Protein backbone atom coordinates (compact mmCIF):
# COMPACT_ATOMS: atom_id res chain seq x y z
CA MET A 1 -43.49 75.04 -173.49
CA LEU A 2 -46.96 73.70 -173.75
CA PRO A 3 -49.43 75.88 -175.66
CA PHE A 4 -51.92 76.09 -172.80
CA LEU A 5 -49.27 77.57 -170.51
CA LEU A 6 -48.77 80.56 -172.77
CA VAL A 7 -50.86 83.48 -171.61
CA THR A 8 -51.03 86.34 -174.03
CA PRO A 9 -52.84 89.60 -173.30
CA LYS A 10 -55.43 88.78 -175.94
CA SER A 11 -56.16 85.33 -174.52
CA LEU A 12 -56.31 86.77 -171.00
CA LYS A 13 -58.79 89.41 -172.17
CA THR A 14 -60.87 86.77 -173.93
CA SER A 15 -60.93 84.55 -170.83
CA LYS A 16 -61.99 87.46 -168.62
CA GLU A 17 -64.72 88.43 -171.08
CA THR A 18 -65.94 84.84 -171.09
CA GLU A 19 -65.88 84.80 -167.29
CA VAL A 20 -67.97 87.98 -167.11
CA LEU A 21 -70.40 86.58 -169.67
CA VAL A 22 -70.82 83.38 -167.66
CA ALA A 23 -71.39 85.36 -164.44
CA LEU A 24 -74.00 87.56 -166.09
CA SER A 25 -75.74 84.56 -167.68
CA LEU A 26 -75.92 82.77 -164.35
CA SER A 27 -77.25 85.87 -162.63
CA ILE A 28 -79.98 86.20 -165.25
CA THR A 29 -80.86 82.54 -164.65
CA CYS A 30 -81.07 83.07 -160.88
CA ASN A 31 -83.22 86.17 -161.37
CA ALA A 32 -85.51 84.26 -163.74
CA LEU A 33 -85.93 81.57 -161.07
CA GLU A 34 -86.87 84.21 -158.52
CA MET A 35 -89.33 85.89 -160.86
CA LEU A 36 -90.91 82.57 -161.82
CA SER A 37 -91.46 81.57 -158.20
CA LEU A 38 -92.90 85.01 -157.49
CA PHE A 39 -95.31 84.96 -160.44
CA VAL A 40 -96.41 81.37 -159.79
CA GLY A 41 -97.34 82.51 -156.31
CA TYR A 42 -95.06 80.48 -154.11
CA THR A 43 -93.25 83.39 -152.49
CA ILE A 44 -95.54 86.32 -153.19
CA PHE A 45 -96.74 86.48 -149.56
CA SER A 46 -93.43 85.51 -147.94
CA TYR A 47 -92.33 88.88 -146.64
CA ALA A 48 -88.99 87.69 -145.25
CA THR A 49 -88.00 86.15 -148.58
CA GLY A 50 -88.99 89.32 -150.40
CA MET A 51 -87.00 91.50 -148.02
CA ILE A 52 -83.89 89.33 -148.30
CA SER A 53 -84.15 89.32 -152.07
CA THR A 54 -84.72 93.07 -152.28
CA CYS A 55 -81.82 93.90 -149.94
CA CYS A 56 -79.44 91.57 -151.77
CA HIS A 57 -80.37 93.02 -155.15
CA VAL A 58 -79.96 96.61 -153.94
CA VAL A 59 -76.53 95.82 -152.54
CA GLY A 60 -75.70 93.94 -155.73
CA SER A 61 -76.64 96.92 -157.88
CA ILE A 62 -74.37 99.18 -155.86
CA ILE A 63 -71.47 96.72 -155.96
CA LEU A 64 -71.94 96.14 -159.68
CA ALA A 65 -71.82 99.89 -160.27
CA PHE A 66 -68.52 100.05 -158.38
CA VAL A 67 -67.15 97.08 -160.34
CA LEU A 68 -68.03 98.75 -163.64
CA LEU A 69 -67.00 102.30 -162.73
CA GLU A 70 -63.78 101.46 -160.91
CA SER A 71 -62.76 98.64 -163.29
CA LEU A 72 -62.31 96.21 -160.42
CA SER A 73 -61.23 92.63 -160.96
CA VAL A 74 -63.52 89.89 -162.20
CA THR A 75 -63.05 88.09 -158.87
CA THR A 76 -65.01 90.89 -157.22
CA LEU A 77 -67.82 90.28 -159.69
CA TRP A 78 -67.96 86.61 -158.62
CA TYR A 79 -68.28 87.60 -154.96
CA CYS A 80 -71.04 90.00 -155.92
CA PHE A 81 -72.74 87.23 -157.90
CA ALA A 82 -72.51 84.74 -155.03
CA PHE A 83 -73.98 87.08 -152.44
CA THR A 84 -76.56 88.92 -154.50
CA CYS A 85 -77.81 86.29 -156.96
CA VAL A 86 -77.11 82.79 -155.67
CA PHE A 87 -78.08 83.52 -152.06
CA PRO A 88 -81.57 84.93 -152.89
CA ALA A 89 -82.16 82.13 -155.41
CA PHE A 90 -81.23 79.57 -152.74
CA ILE A 91 -83.63 81.23 -150.28
CA GLU A 92 -86.35 81.11 -152.96
CA LEU A 93 -85.75 77.39 -153.51
CA VAL A 94 -85.88 76.68 -149.78
CA THR A 95 -89.11 78.66 -149.50
CA ILE A 96 -90.63 76.77 -152.44
CA VAL A 97 -89.71 73.42 -150.88
CA VAL A 98 -91.13 74.42 -147.49
CA ILE A 99 -94.37 75.74 -148.98
CA SER A 100 -94.74 72.65 -151.19
CA ARG A 101 -94.36 70.37 -148.18
CA VAL A 102 -96.86 72.37 -146.15
CA GLN A 103 -99.39 72.34 -148.99
CA GLY A 104 -98.75 68.66 -149.67
CA GLY A 105 -99.41 67.75 -146.04
CA LYS A 106 -102.95 69.16 -146.01
């Protein structure tokens, strides 16, 4: 058998830990993007963007608590990451692009 086809419990645990670390690192990056756009002033007065971001982060906190307390699978963490970190960051980027175009057209 090829060595990469062997899955031992230790290697499986290490791969899951790495997967969780990558998900958390990416979520911190998305949150940093949101905070930067807020502090620079692009989305500080965009109420819809703020509401979407707040709702997604509240839901994400609840889901993350369930993932940690119930020891759910790492796949659930990725769904949580996609909905509660990537989606608000994408909305922030769209808002920044729209505001930049509006300000550039003046």
